[in-house]
Amino acid sequence: MIDFLVENWWLSLILVALLFLADHYLTVASAKLYELCGKEFYGYQHGAELNPFFEKEVKAKKWFTKKHLFSLLAIILVFFGLLFLEPPSVFELFIGMFILTWFFIDMSHISNLLYFNDIRKFGGISGRVKISYRLSQKHLAYTLIAQTSFCCIPAILTMRPFFWGGFYGFALLSLRSFILARRSFPEKKNKEKNMAQILWEELQLEEKIVEILRVDSHEPGHHFGRPFFTPYQIAIEFKIRYPEEFEKIGKPVGGKGTGQKDSVAQYFALELSRRIKNGYIKNIEGRFLHRGHLKTLQYYDDDRNEVESSLMQNFDLSLYRLLD
């Protein structure tokens, strides 16, 4: 079979191209399924894609990009160049490197798809794990080392360049993962967190939210006490009462279909949760509304436009109320 692939180079080219295309499409499919049912349980520091070259494309979940096309053309050109190298074993070496490594990568994507699909259908997992970029790359490197060892066996037994190509391919990929594990990222989140805290104090948001939460139950004196607000209700009321401060925050109220995950509702929820946990806020309590059997929560803003919660079915929704 290996000799057949070497002699029929055009067949090898088609196989390599298909494996390359499958890698990208399976990656995007995995990313979409992760967003749907895996993000609730797994958080990756710099996204789930570990190949820096295609990070932006996978994050945008694009099925086809110019970079993807040019990469495929570059692989085809390299492939044609290998045909003229001597001895022919060099061509066989690179065929093995391309086919074996990409086949493993594609099967890994299929494994991820099946795994996340099982989570979507059957559950079986709870809690949430945050995984650093360094750990993700190192885990991949260790897996590739295992594949390197696996390719070493047929390479030694047969002495075929095809299997040695797989051996070198996995070894190079594992080395790349070890190098990428040392990659550092700008402290964007810390800067954003500091800015959020400065804005919180500057606009006196705690005092304003307290006033918003200062409502009585529909039945005064009821033993349940004051009612709870969702972050969306707080954000909508804040926009109505304090339009100038709302504009300074520079975020939309939030909700499904806004196209922006960073919203006033999310900002308020995160800051309230953090400050209640740290003991900075003592007169507001938080609780969760369970997402089970709940499809949507819809609100209307000051212009009577409908706002639909973007978190339903994935996360429990936080609730807040003022303590007496």
C-alpha atoms as a PDB file:
ATOM      1  CA  MET A   1       0.000   0.000   0.000  1.00  0.00           C
ATOM      2  CA  ILE A   2       2.852   2.395   0.806  1.00  0.00           C
ATOM      3  CA  ASP A   3       4.519   1.632  -2.540  1.00  0.00           C
ATOM      4  CA  PHE A   4       1.176   2.252  -4.253  1.00  0.00           C
ATOM      5  CA  LEU A   5       0.956   5.717  -2.669  1.00  0.00           C
ATOM      6  CA  VAL A   6       4.536   6.528  -3.662  1.00  0.00           C
ATOM      7  CA  GLU A   7       4.057   5.397  -7.255  1.00  0.00           C
ATOM      8  CA  ASN A   8       0.687   7.127  -7.606  1.00  0.00           C
ATOM      9  CA  TRP A   9       1.731  10.506  -6.300  1.00  0.00           C
ATOM     10  CA  TRP A  10      -1.517  12.161  -7.412  1.00  0.00           C
ATOM     11  CA  LEU A  11      -3.455   9.846  -5.079  1.00  0.00           C
ATOM     12  CA  SER A  12      -1.161  10.808  -2.207  1.00  0.00           C
ATOM     13  CA  LEU A  13      -1.747  14.466  -3.045  1.00  0.00           C
ATOM     14  CA  ILE A  14      -5.536  14.031  -2.945  1.00  0.00           C
ATOM     15  CA  LEU A  15      -5.295  12.144   0.350  1.00  0.00           C
ATOM     16  CA  VAL A  16      -3.124  14.837   1.955  1.00  0.00           C
ATOM     17  CA  ALA A  17      -5.440  17.607   0.690  1.00  0.00           C
ATOM     18  CA  LEU A  18      -8.505  15.813   2.079  1.00  0.00           C
ATOM     19  CA  LEU A  19      -6.841  15.298   5.448  1.00  0.00           C
ATOM     20  CA  PHE A  20      -5.855  18.982   5.554  1.00  0.00           C
ATOM     21  CA  LEU A  21      -9.382  20.133   4.679  1.00  0.00           C
ATOM     22  CA  ALA A  22     -10.880  17.699   7.200  1.00  0.00           C
ATOM     23  CA  ASP A  23      -8.588  19.131   9.896  1.00  0.00           C
ATOM     24  CA  HIS A  24      -9.998  22.632   9.439  1.00  0.00           C
ATOM     25  CA  TYR A  25     -13.661  21.668   9.070  1.00  0.00           C
ATOM     26  CA  LEU A  26     -13.556  19.283  12.022  1.00  0.00           C
ATOM     27  CA  THR A  27     -11.834  21.982  14.100  1.00  0.00           C
ATOM     28  CA  VAL A  28     -14.581  24.510  13.322  1.00  0.00           C
ATOM     29  CA  ALA A  29     -17.293  21.904  13.988  1.00  0.00           C
ATOM     30  CA  SER A  30     -15.651  21.081  17.338  1.00  0.00           C
ATOM     31  CA  ALA A  31     -15.462  24.785  18.217  1.00  0.00           C
ATOM     32  CA  LYS A  32     -19.170  25.241  17.453  1.00  0.00           C
ATOM     33  CA  LEU A  33     -20.141  22.206  19.525  1.00  0.00           C
ATOM     34  CA  TYR A  34     -17.861  23.387  22.352  1.00  0.00           C
ATOM     35  CA  GLU A  35     -19.660  26.747  22.409  1.00  0.00           C
ATOM     36  CA  LEU A  36     -22.998  24.942  22.470  1.00  0.00           C
ATOM     37  CA  CYS A  37     -22.446  22.420  25.251  1.00  0.00           C
ATOM     38  CA  GLY A  38     -18.797  22.307  26.340  1.00  0.00           C
ATOM     39  CA  LYS A  39     -18.102  25.881  27.385  1.00  0.00           C
ATOM     40  CA  GLU A  40     -20.263  25.411  30.457  1.00  0.00           C
ATOM     41  CA  PHE A  41     -17.801  22.819  31.794  1.00  0.00           C
ATOM     42  CA  TYR A  42     -14.431  23.697  30.220  1.00  0.00           C
ATOM     43  CA  GLY A  43     -12.753  27.089  30.005  1.00  0.00           C
ATOM     44  CA  TYR A  44      -9.561  27.536  27.953  1.00  0.00           C
ATOM     45  CA  GLN A  45      -7.265  30.471  28.672  1.00  0.00           C
ATOM     46  CA  HIS A  46      -6.695  31.438  25.030  1.00  0.00           C
ATOM     47  CA  GLY A  47      -9.402  29.444  23.299  1.00  0.00           C
ATOM     48  CA  ALA A  48      -9.587  25.780  22.386  1.00  0.00           C
ATOM     49  CA  GLU A  49      -7.482  26.116  19.197  1.00  0.00           C
ATOM     50  CA  LEU A  50      -3.817  25.312  19.870  1.00  0.00           C
ATOM     51  CA  ASN A  51      -2.428  26.163  16.433  1.00  0.00           C
ATOM     52  CA  PRO A  52      -1.518  29.895  16.577  1.00  0.00           C
ATOM     53  CA  PHE A  53      -1.633  30.155  12.778  1.00  0.00           C
ATOM     54  CA  PHE A  54      -5.395  29.512  12.647  1.00  0.00           C
ATOM     55  CA  GLU A  55      -6.486  30.911  16.039  1.00  0.00           C
ATOM     56  CA  LYS A  56      -8.452  33.860  14.651  1.00  0.00           C
ATOM     57  CA  GLU A  57     -10.140  31.801  11.931  1.00  0.00           C
ATOM     58  CA  VAL A  58     -11.264  29.107  14.351  1.00  0.00           C
ATOM     59  CA  LYS A  59     -12.412  31.695  16.898  1.00  0.00           C
ATOM     60  CA  ALA A  60     -14.524  33.317  14.160  1.00  0.00           C
ATOM     61  CA  LYS A  61     -15.800  29.818  13.251  1.00  0.00           C
ATOM     62  CA  LYS A  62     -15.317  30.409   9.542  1.00  0.00           C
ATOM     63  CA  TRP A  63     -15.662  27.345   7.337  1.00  0.00           C
ATOM     64  CA  PHE A  64     -13.531  28.876   4.595  1.00  0.00           C
ATOM     65  CA  THR A  65     -10.890  31.628   4.663  1.00  0.00           C
ATOM     66  CA  LYS A  66      -8.197  32.986   2.346  1.00  0.00           C
ATOM     67  CA  LYS A  67      -5.521  31.822   4.751  1.00  0.00           C
ATOM     68  CA  HIS A  68      -6.977  28.322   4.551  1.00  0.00           C
ATOM     69  CA  LEU A  69      -6.898  28.402   0.727  1.00  0.00           C
ATOM     70  CA  PHE A  70      -3.331  29.754   0.529  1.00  0.00           C
ATOM     71  CA  SER A  71      -2.147  27.148   3.053  1.00  0.00           C
ATOM     72  CA  LEU A  72      -3.613  24.377   0.920  1.00  0.00           C
ATOM     73  CA  LEU A  73      -1.954  25.800  -2.229  1.00  0.00           C
ATOM     74  CA  ALA A  74       1.375  26.009  -0.372  1.00  0.00           C
ATOM     75  CA  ILE A  75       1.084  22.344   0.640  1.00  0.00           C
ATOM     76  CA  ILE A  76       0.363  21.350  -2.980  1.00  0.00           C
ATOM     77  CA  LEU A  77       3.414  23.291  -4.198  1.00  0.00           C
ATOM     78  CA  VAL A  78       5.631  21.664  -1.563  1.00  0.00           C
ATOM     79  CA  PHE A  79       4.231  18.302  -2.561  1.00  0.00           C
ATOM     80  CA  PHE A  80       5.157  18.872  -6.219  1.00  0.00           C
ATOM     81  CA  GLY A  81       8.619  20.014  -5.189  1.00  0.00           C
ATOM     82  CA  LEU A  82       9.167  16.783  -3.280  1.00  0.00           C
ATOM     83  CA  LEU A  83       8.592  14.764  -6.461  1.00  0.00           C
ATOM     84  CA  PHE A  84      11.918  15.983  -7.851  1.00  0.00           C
ATOM     85  CA  LEU A  85      13.992  15.189  -4.781  1.00  0.00           C
ATOM     86  CA  GLU A  86      16.455  12.323  -4.787  1.00  0.00           C
ATOM     87  CA  PRO A  87      16.391   9.627  -3.601  1.00  0.00           C
ATOM     88  CA  PRO A  88      12.656   8.714  -3.912  1.00  0.00           C
ATOM     89  CA  SER A  89      12.691   7.673  -0.240  1.00  0.00           C
ATOM     90  CA  VAL A  90      12.618  11.398   0.640  1.00  0.00           C
ATOM     91  CA  PHE A  91       9.227  11.669  -1.056  1.00  0.00           C
ATOM     92  CA  GLU A  92       7.991   8.629   0.890  1.00  0.00           C
ATOM     93  CA  LEU A  93       9.292  10.165   4.137  1.00  0.00           C
ATOM     94  CA  PHE A  94       7.259  13.338   3.666  1.00  0.00           C
ATOM     95  CA  ILE A  95       4.159  11.413   2.561  1.00  0.00           C
ATOM     96  CA  GLY A  96       4.305   9.494   5.832  1.00  0.00           C
ATOM     97  CA  MET A  97       4.838  12.713   7.785  1.00  0.00           C
ATOM     98  CA  PHE A  98       1.797  14.412   6.232  1.00  0.00           C
ATOM     99  CA  ILE A  99      -0.585  11.456   6.210  1.00  0.00           C
ATOM    100  CA  LEU A 100       0.132   9.967   9.635  1.00  0.00           C
ATOM    101  CA  THR A 101       0.193  13.253  11.558  1.00  0.00           C
ATOM    102  CA  TRP A 102      -2.903  14.694   9.923  1.00  0.00           C
ATOM    103  CA  PHE A 103      -4.791  11.426  10.254  1.00  0.00           C
ATOM    104  CA  PHE A 104      -4.103  11.460  14.002  1.00  0.00           C
ATOM    105  CA  ILE A 105      -5.138  15.134  14.268  1.00  0.00           C
ATOM    106  CA  ASP A 106      -8.385  14.479  12.372  1.00  0.00           C
ATOM    107  CA  MET A 107      -9.215  11.482  14.556  1.00  0.00           C
ATOM    108  CA  SER A 108      -8.587  13.648  17.642  1.00  0.00           C
ATOM    109  CA  HIS A 109     -11.144  16.156  16.341  1.00  0.00           C
ATOM    110  CA  ILE A 110     -13.666  13.371  15.748  1.00  0.00           C
ATOM    111  CA  SER A 111     -13.049  12.145  19.295  1.00  0.00           C
ATOM    112  CA  ASN A 112     -13.757  15.660  20.626  1.00  0.00           C
ATOM    113  CA  LEU A 113     -16.941  15.891  18.571  1.00  0.00           C
ATOM    114  CA  LEU A 114     -18.207  12.588  19.920  1.00  0.00           C
ATOM    115  CA  TYR A 115     -17.259  13.587  23.472  1.00  0.00           C
ATOM    116  CA  PHE A 116     -19.068  16.946  23.387  1.00  0.00           C
ATOM    117  CA  ASN A 117     -22.036  15.378  21.612  1.00  0.00           C
ATOM    118  CA  ASP A 118     -22.346  12.867  24.463  1.00  0.00           C
ATOM    119  CA  ILE A 119     -22.266  15.753  26.948  1.00  0.00           C
ATOM    120  CA  ARG A 120     -25.046  17.468  24.987  1.00  0.00           C
ATOM    121  CA  LYS A 121     -27.188  14.326  24.873  1.00  0.00           C
ATOM    122  CA  PHE A 122     -26.499  12.588  28.162  1.00  0.00           C
ATOM    123  CA  GLY A 123     -24.742  15.074  30.473  1.00  0.00           C
ATOM    124  CA  GLY A 124     -22.662  13.171  33.006  1.00  0.00           C
ATOM    125  CA  ILE A 125     -20.410  16.082  33.972  1.00  0.00           C
ATOM    126  CA  SER A 126     -20.768  18.897  36.490  1.00  0.00           C
ATOM    127  CA  GLY A 127     -18.711  21.846  37.659  1.00  0.00           C
ATOM    128  CA  ARG A 128     -16.354  23.876  35.494  1.00  0.00           C
ATOM    129  CA  VAL A 129     -12.637  23.443  34.863  1.00  0.00           C
ATOM    130  CA  LYS A 130     -10.396  26.339  33.762  1.00  0.00           C
ATOM    131  CA  ILE A 131      -7.390  25.135  31.773  1.00  0.00           C
ATOM    132  CA  SER A 132      -4.345  27.317  31.191  1.00  0.00           C
ATOM    133  CA  TYR A 133      -2.804  27.637  27.731  1.00  0.00           C
ATOM    134  CA  ARG A 134       0.445  26.187  29.084  1.00  0.00           C
ATOM    135  CA  LEU A 135      -1.281  23.061  30.375  1.00  0.00           C
ATOM    136  CA  SER A 136      -3.237  22.610  27.124  1.00  0.00           C
ATOM    137  CA  GLN A 137      -0.065  22.736  25.040  1.00  0.00           C
ATOM    138  CA  LYS A 138       1.829  20.419  27.401  1.00  0.00           C
ATOM    139  CA  HIS A 139      -1.006  17.884  27.391  1.00  0.00           C
ATOM    140  CA  LEU A 140      -0.937  17.946  23.590  1.00  0.00           C
ATOM    141  CA  ALA A 141       2.864  17.551  23.628  1.00  0.00           C
ATOM    142  CA  TYR A 142       2.640  14.463  25.870  1.00  0.00           C
ATOM    143  CA  THR A 143      -0.008  12.947  23.585  1.00  0.00           C
ATOM    144  CA  LEU A 144       2.209  13.574  20.552  1.00  0.00           C
ATOM    145  CA  ILE A 145       5.155  11.954  22.321  1.00  0.00           C
ATOM    146  CA  ALA A 146       3.006   8.841  22.746  1.00  0.00           C
ATOM    147  CA  GLN A 147       2.267   8.880  19.000  1.00  0.00           C
ATOM    148  CA  THR A 148       5.981   9.369  18.283  1.00  0.00           C
ATOM    149  CA  SER A 149       6.741   6.228  20.295  1.00  0.00           C
ATOM    150  CA  PHE A 150       3.973   4.349  18.503  1.00  0.00           C
ATOM    151  CA  CYS A 151       5.383   5.238  15.045  1.00  0.00           C
ATOM    152  CA  CYS A 152       8.841   4.216  16.208  1.00  0.00           C
ATOM    153  CA  ILE A 153       7.820   0.526  16.364  1.00  0.00           C
ATOM    154  CA  PRO A 154       6.808  -0.003  12.685  1.00  0.00           C
ATOM    155  CA  ALA A 155       9.641   2.335  11.629  1.00  0.00           C
ATOM    156  CA  ILE A 156      12.237   0.084  13.280  1.00  0.00           C
ATOM    157  CA  LEU A 157      10.558  -3.174  12.204  1.00  0.00           C
ATOM    158  CA  THR A 158      10.110  -2.205   8.553  1.00  0.00           C
ATOM    159  CA  MET A 159      12.729   0.542   8.133  1.00  0.00           C
ATOM    160  CA  ARG A 160      10.290   2.245   5.780  1.00  0.00           C
ATOM    161  CA  PRO A 161      10.710   6.027   5.366  1.00  0.00           C
ATOM    162  CA  PHE A 162       6.899   6.303   5.510  1.00  0.00           C
ATOM    163  CA  PHE A 163       6.813   5.421   9.223  1.00  0.00           C
ATOM    164  CA  TRP A 164       9.985   7.380   9.955  1.00  0.00           C
ATOM    165  CA  GLY A 165       8.166  10.379   8.449  1.00  0.00           C
ATOM    166  CA  GLY A 166       5.376   9.895  10.980  1.00  0.00           C
ATOM    167  CA  PHE A 167       7.967   9.562  13.736  1.00  0.00           C
ATOM    168  CA  TYR A 168       9.666  12.843  12.792  1.00  0.00           C
ATOM    169  CA  GLY A 169       6.334  14.589  12.213  1.00  0.00           C
ATOM    170  CA  PHE A 170       4.993  13.757  15.673  1.00  0.00           C
ATOM    171  CA  ALA A 171       8.351  14.582  17.270  1.00  0.00           C
ATOM    172  CA  LEU A 172       8.399  18.038  15.628  1.00  0.00           C
ATOM    173  CA  LEU A 173       4.798  18.731  16.609  1.00  0.00           C
ATOM    174  CA  SER A 174       5.470  17.745  20.218  1.00  0.00           C
ATOM    175  CA  LEU A 175       8.542  20.016  20.267  1.00  0.00           C
ATOM    176  CA  ARG A 176       6.416  22.866  18.899  1.00  0.00           C
ATOM    177  CA  SER A 177       3.834  22.338  21.663  1.00  0.00           C
ATOM    178  CA  PHE A 178       6.547  22.450  24.328  1.00  0.00           C
ATOM    179  CA  ILE A 179       7.798  25.737  22.836  1.00  0.00           C
ATOM    180  CA  LEU A 180       4.277  27.192  22.602  1.00  0.00           C
ATOM    181  CA  ALA A 181       3.658  26.246  26.231  1.00  0.00           C
ATOM    182  CA  ARG A 182       6.086  29.063  27.112  1.00  0.00           C
ATOM    183  CA  ARG A 183       3.989  31.577  25.179  1.00  0.00           C
ATOM    184  CA  SER A 184       2.785  34.576  27.164  1.00  0.00           C
ATOM    185  CA  PHE A 185      -0.193  36.835  26.555  1.00  0.00           C
ATOM    186  CA  PRO A 186      -0.834  40.513  27.296  1.00  0.00           C
ATOM    187  CA  GLU A 187      -2.529  41.068  30.622  1.00  0.00           C
ATOM    188  CA  LYS A 188      -5.685  42.233  28.894  1.00  0.00           C
ATOM    189  CA  LYS A 189      -8.045  40.728  31.426  1.00  0.00           C
ATOM    190  CA  ASN A 190      -6.248  42.340  34.342  1.00  0.00           C
ATOM    191  CA  LYS A 191      -6.363  45.741  32.637  1.00  0.00           C
ATOM    192  CA  GLU A 192     -10.052  45.329  31.880  1.00  0.00           C
ATOM    193  CA  LYS A 193     -10.680  44.230  35.457  1.00  0.00           C
ATOM    194  CA  ASN A 194      -8.880  47.289  36.832  1.00  0.00           C
ATOM    195  CA  MET A 195     -10.804  49.589  34.493  1.00  0.00           C
ATOM    196  CA  ALA A 196     -14.081  47.972  35.546  1.00  0.00           C
ATOM    197  CA  GLN A 197     -13.249  48.560  39.205  1.00  0.00           C
ATOM    198  CA  ILE A 198     -12.233  52.194  38.586  1.00  0.00           C
ATOM    199  CA  LEU A 199     -15.468  52.799  36.677  1.00  0.00           C
ATOM    200  CA  TRP A 200     -17.454  51.174  39.472  1.00  0.00           C
ATOM    201  CA  GLU A 201     -16.090  53.632  42.025  1.00  0.00           C
ATOM    202  CA  GLU A 202     -16.066  56.666  39.748  1.00  0.00           C
ATOM    203  CA  LEU A 203     -19.745  56.327  38.788  1.00  0.00           C
ATOM    204  CA  GLN A 204     -20.775  55.197  42.292  1.00  0.00           C
ATOM    205  CA  LEU A 205     -22.488  52.193  40.773  1.00  0.00           C
ATOM    206  CA  GLU A 206     -23.014  50.367  44.048  1.00  0.00           C
ATOM    207  CA  GLU A 207     -25.098  53.214  45.475  1.00  0.00           C
ATOM    208  CA  LYS A 208     -27.138  53.464  42.290  1.00  0.00           C
ATOM    209  CA  ILE A 209     -27.789  49.715  42.138  1.00  0.00           C
ATOM    210  CA  VAL A 210     -28.861  49.766  45.790  1.00  0.00           C
ATOM    211  CA  GLU A 211     -31.471  52.395  44.893  1.00  0.00           C
ATOM    212  CA  ILE A 212     -32.682  50.250  42.006  1.00  0.00           C
ATOM    213  CA  LEU A 213     -33.014  47.231  44.299  1.00  0.00           C
ATOM    214  CA  ARG A 214     -34.854  49.267  46.911  1.00  0.00           C
ATOM    215  CA  VAL A 215     -38.329  48.008  46.003  1.00  0.00           C
ATOM    216  CA  ASP A 216     -40.985  46.369  48.144  1.00  0.00           C
ATOM    217  CA  SER A 217     -42.805  43.152  47.477  1.00  0.00           C
ATOM    218  CA  HIS A 218     -46.213  43.261  45.793  1.00  0.00           C
ATOM    219  CA  GLU A 219     -47.430  42.210  49.260  1.00  0.00           C
ATOM    220  CA  PRO A 220     -45.822  44.526  51.846  1.00  0.00           C
ATOM    221  CA  GLY A 221     -44.660  42.751  54.977  1.00  0.00           C
ATOM    222  CA  HIS A 222     -44.574  39.338  53.291  1.00  0.00           C
ATOM    223  CA  HIS A 223     -42.219  36.894  55.021  1.00  0.00           C
ATOM    224  CA  PHE A 224     -40.284  36.345  51.761  1.00  0.00           C
ATOM    225  CA  GLY A 225     -39.001  39.918  51.977  1.00  0.00           C
ATOM    226  CA  ARG A 226     -37.932  42.006  48.990  1.00  0.00           C
ATOM    227  CA  PRO A 227     -38.061  40.533  45.440  1.00  0.00           C
ATOM    228  CA  PHE A 228     -34.956  39.574  43.436  1.00  0.00           C
ATOM    229  CA  PHE A 229     -33.744  41.296  40.260  1.00  0.00           C
ATOM    230  CA  THR A 230     -31.951  39.645  37.334  1.00  0.00           C
ATOM    231  CA  PRO A 231     -28.865  41.482  35.978  1.00  0.00           C
ATOM    232  CA  TYR A 232     -30.922  42.375  32.886  1.00  0.00           C
ATOM    233  CA  GLN A 233     -33.604  44.073  34.985  1.00  0.00           C
ATOM    234  CA  ILE A 234     -30.937  46.013  36.867  1.00  0.00           C
ATOM    235  CA  ALA A 235     -29.210  47.048  33.611  1.00  0.00           C
ATOM    236  CA  ILE A 236     -32.476  48.152  31.963  1.00  0.00           C
ATOM    237  CA  GLU A 237     -33.574  50.176  35.012  1.00  0.00           C
ATOM    238  CA  PHE A 238     -30.073  51.670  35.293  1.00  0.00           C
ATOM    239  CA  LYS A 239     -30.266  52.856  31.681  1.00  0.00           C
ATOM    240  CA  ILE A 240     -33.629  54.498  32.380  1.00  0.00           C
ATOM    241  CA  ARG A 241     -32.607  56.219  35.636  1.00  0.00           C
ATOM    242  CA  TYR A 242     -28.996  57.109  34.840  1.00  0.00           C
ATOM    243  CA  PRO A 243     -28.632  57.602  31.054  1.00  0.00           C
ATOM    244  CA  GLU A 244     -25.391  59.640  31.314  1.00  0.00           C
ATOM    245  CA  GLU A 245     -23.647  57.026  33.481  1.00  0.00           C
ATOM    246  CA  PHE A 246     -24.941  54.302  31.175  1.00  0.00           C
ATOM    247  CA  GLU A 247     -23.301  56.012  28.197  1.00  0.00           C
ATOM    248  CA  LYS A 248     -19.998  56.284  30.086  1.00  0.00           C
ATOM    249  CA  ILE A 249     -19.936  52.526  30.688  1.00  0.00           C
ATOM    250  CA  GLY A 250     -19.975  52.097  26.907  1.00  0.00           C
ATOM    251  CA  LYS A 251     -21.678  48.709  26.730  1.00  0.00           C
ATOM    252  CA  PRO A 252     -25.127  47.575  25.573  1.00  0.00           C
ATOM    253  CA  VAL A 253     -27.724  46.361  28.048  1.00  0.00           C
ATOM    254  CA  GLY A 254     -27.086  42.836  26.782  1.00  0.00           C
ATOM    255  CA  GLY A 255     -29.214  39.931  25.673  1.00  0.00           C
ATOM    256  CA  LYS A 256     -29.368  37.368  22.941  1.00  0.00           C
ATOM    257  CA  GLY A 257     -28.735  38.641  19.418  1.00  0.00           C
ATOM    258  CA  THR A 258     -26.800  41.774  20.386  1.00  0.00           C
ATOM    259  CA  GLY A 259     -23.616  40.300  18.918  1.00  0.00           C
ATOM    260  CA  GLN A 260     -21.642  41.417  21.978  1.00  0.00           C
ATOM    261  CA  LYS A 261     -20.905  39.238  24.986  1.00  0.00           C
ATOM    262  CA  ASP A 262     -19.526  42.089  27.123  1.00  0.00           C
ATOM    263  CA  SER A 263     -22.671  43.871  28.321  1.00  0.00           C
ATOM    264  CA  VAL A 264     -23.846  46.056  31.219  1.00  0.00           C
ATOM    265  CA  ALA A 265     -25.874  43.120  32.561  1.00  0.00           C
ATOM    266  CA  GLN A 266     -22.777  40.911  32.572  1.00  0.00           C
ATOM    267  CA  TYR A 267     -20.609  43.690  34.046  1.00  0.00           C
ATOM    268  CA  PHE A 268     -23.049  44.283  36.913  1.00  0.00           C
ATOM    269  CA  ALA A 269     -23.425  40.546  37.598  1.00  0.00           C
ATOM    270  CA  LEU A 270     -19.663  39.942  37.712  1.00  0.00           C
ATOM    271  CA  GLU A 271     -18.904  42.946  39.920  1.00  0.00           C
ATOM    272  CA  LEU A 272     -21.774  42.271  42.320  1.00  0.00           C
ATOM    273  CA  SER A 273     -20.775  38.615  42.636  1.00  0.00           C
ATOM    274  CA  ARG A 274     -17.094  39.458  43.210  1.00  0.00           C
ATOM    275  CA  ARG A 275     -17.816  42.185  45.766  1.00  0.00           C
ATOM    276  CA  ILE A 276     -20.365  40.097  47.674  1.00  0.00           C
ATOM    277  CA  LYS A 277     -17.875  37.205  47.811  1.00  0.00           C
ATOM    278  CA  ASN A 278     -15.060  39.453  49.059  1.00  0.00           C
ATOM    279  CA  GLY A 279     -17.274  41.071  51.694  1.00  0.00           C
ATOM    280  CA  TYR A 280     -17.192  44.555  50.133  1.00  0.00           C
ATOM    281  CA  ILE A 281     -20.964  44.511  49.694  1.00  0.00           C
ATOM    282  CA  LYS A 282     -22.953  43.372  52.707  1.00  0.00           C
ATOM    283  CA  ASN A 283     -26.431  44.741  52.001  1.00  0.00           C
ATOM    284  CA  ILE A 284     -27.047  42.834  48.743  1.00  0.00           C
ATOM    285  CA  GLU A 285     -27.442  39.076  48.470  1.00  0.00           C
ATOM    286  CA  GLY A 286     -27.144  36.894  45.398  1.00  0.00           C
ATOM    287  CA  ARG A 287     -28.839  33.660  44.418  1.00  0.00           C
ATOM    288  CA  PHE A 288     -29.220  31.508  41.294  1.00  0.00           C
ATOM    289  CA  LEU A 289     -32.301  30.810  39.195  1.00  0.00           C
ATOM    290  CA  HIS A 290     -32.008  27.192  38.038  1.00  0.00           C
ATOM    291  CA  ARG A 291     -31.939  26.817  34.246  1.00  0.00           C
ATOM    292  CA  GLY A 292     -33.827  23.511  34.232  1.00  0.00           C
ATOM    293  CA  HIS A 293     -37.004  23.465  32.089  1.00  0.00           C
ATOM    294  CA  LEU A 294     -36.539  27.170  31.402  1.00  0.00           C
ATOM    295  CA  LYS A 295     -36.305  28.147  27.758  1.00  0.00           C
ATOM    296  CA  THR A 296     -36.069  31.932  27.781  1.00  0.00           C
ATOM    297  CA  LEU A 297     -36.526  35.013  29.939  1.00  0.00           C
ATOM    298  CA  GLN A 298     -37.722  38.071  28.045  1.00  0.00           C
ATOM    299  CA  TYR A 299     -37.715  41.692  29.169  1.00  0.00           C
ATOM    300  CA  TYR A 300     -38.531  45.035  27.590  1.00  0.00           C
ATOM    301  CA  ASP A 301     -36.362  48.128  27.743  1.00  0.00           C
ATOM    302  CA  ASP A 302     -37.307  51.792  28.005  1.00  0.00           C
ATOM    303  CA  ASP A 303     -38.222  51.846  24.297  1.00  0.00           C
ATOM    304  CA  ARG A 304     -40.427  48.763  24.726  1.00  0.00           C
ATOM    305  CA  ASN A 305     -37.952  46.653  22.737  1.00  0.00           C
ATOM    306  CA  GLU A 306     -37.771  43.019  23.775  1.00  0.00           C
ATOM    307  CA  VAL A 307     -34.565  41.794  25.396  1.00  0.00           C
ATOM    308  CA  GLU A 308     -33.994  38.055  25.708  1.00  0.00           C
ATOM    309  CA  SER A 309     -31.488  36.543  28.129  1.00  0.00           C
ATOM    310  CA  SER A 310     -28.491  35.105  26.282  1.00  0.00           C
ATOM    311  CA  LEU A 311     -27.481  32.685  29.054  1.00  0.00           C
ATOM    312  CA  MET A 312     -30.526  30.454  29.330  1.00  0.00           C
ATOM    313  CA  GLN A 313     -29.999  26.674  28.969  1.00  0.00           C
ATOM    314  CA  ASN A 314     -26.240  27.015  29.486  1.00  0.00           C
ATOM    315  CA  PHE A 315     -25.896  28.633  32.916  1.00  0.00           C
ATOM    316  CA  ASP A 316     -28.029  29.306  35.944  1.00  0.00           C
ATOM    317  CA  LEU A 317     -29.022  32.985  35.980  1.00  0.00           C
ATOM    318  CA  SER A 318     -27.857  35.102  38.907  1.00  0.00           C
ATOM    319  CA  LEU A 319     -30.391  37.038  40.976  1.00  0.00           C
ATOM    320  CA  TYR A 320     -29.824  39.924  43.408  1.00  0.00           C
ATOM    321  CA  ARG A 321     -31.875  41.701  46.064  1.00  0.00           C
ATOM    322  CA  LEU A 322     -31.406  44.307  48.739  1.00  0.00           C
ATOM    323  CA  LEU A 323     -31.286  43.066  52.296  1.00  0.00           C
ATOM    324  CA  ASP A 324     -33.385  44.836  54.904  1.00  0.00           C
END
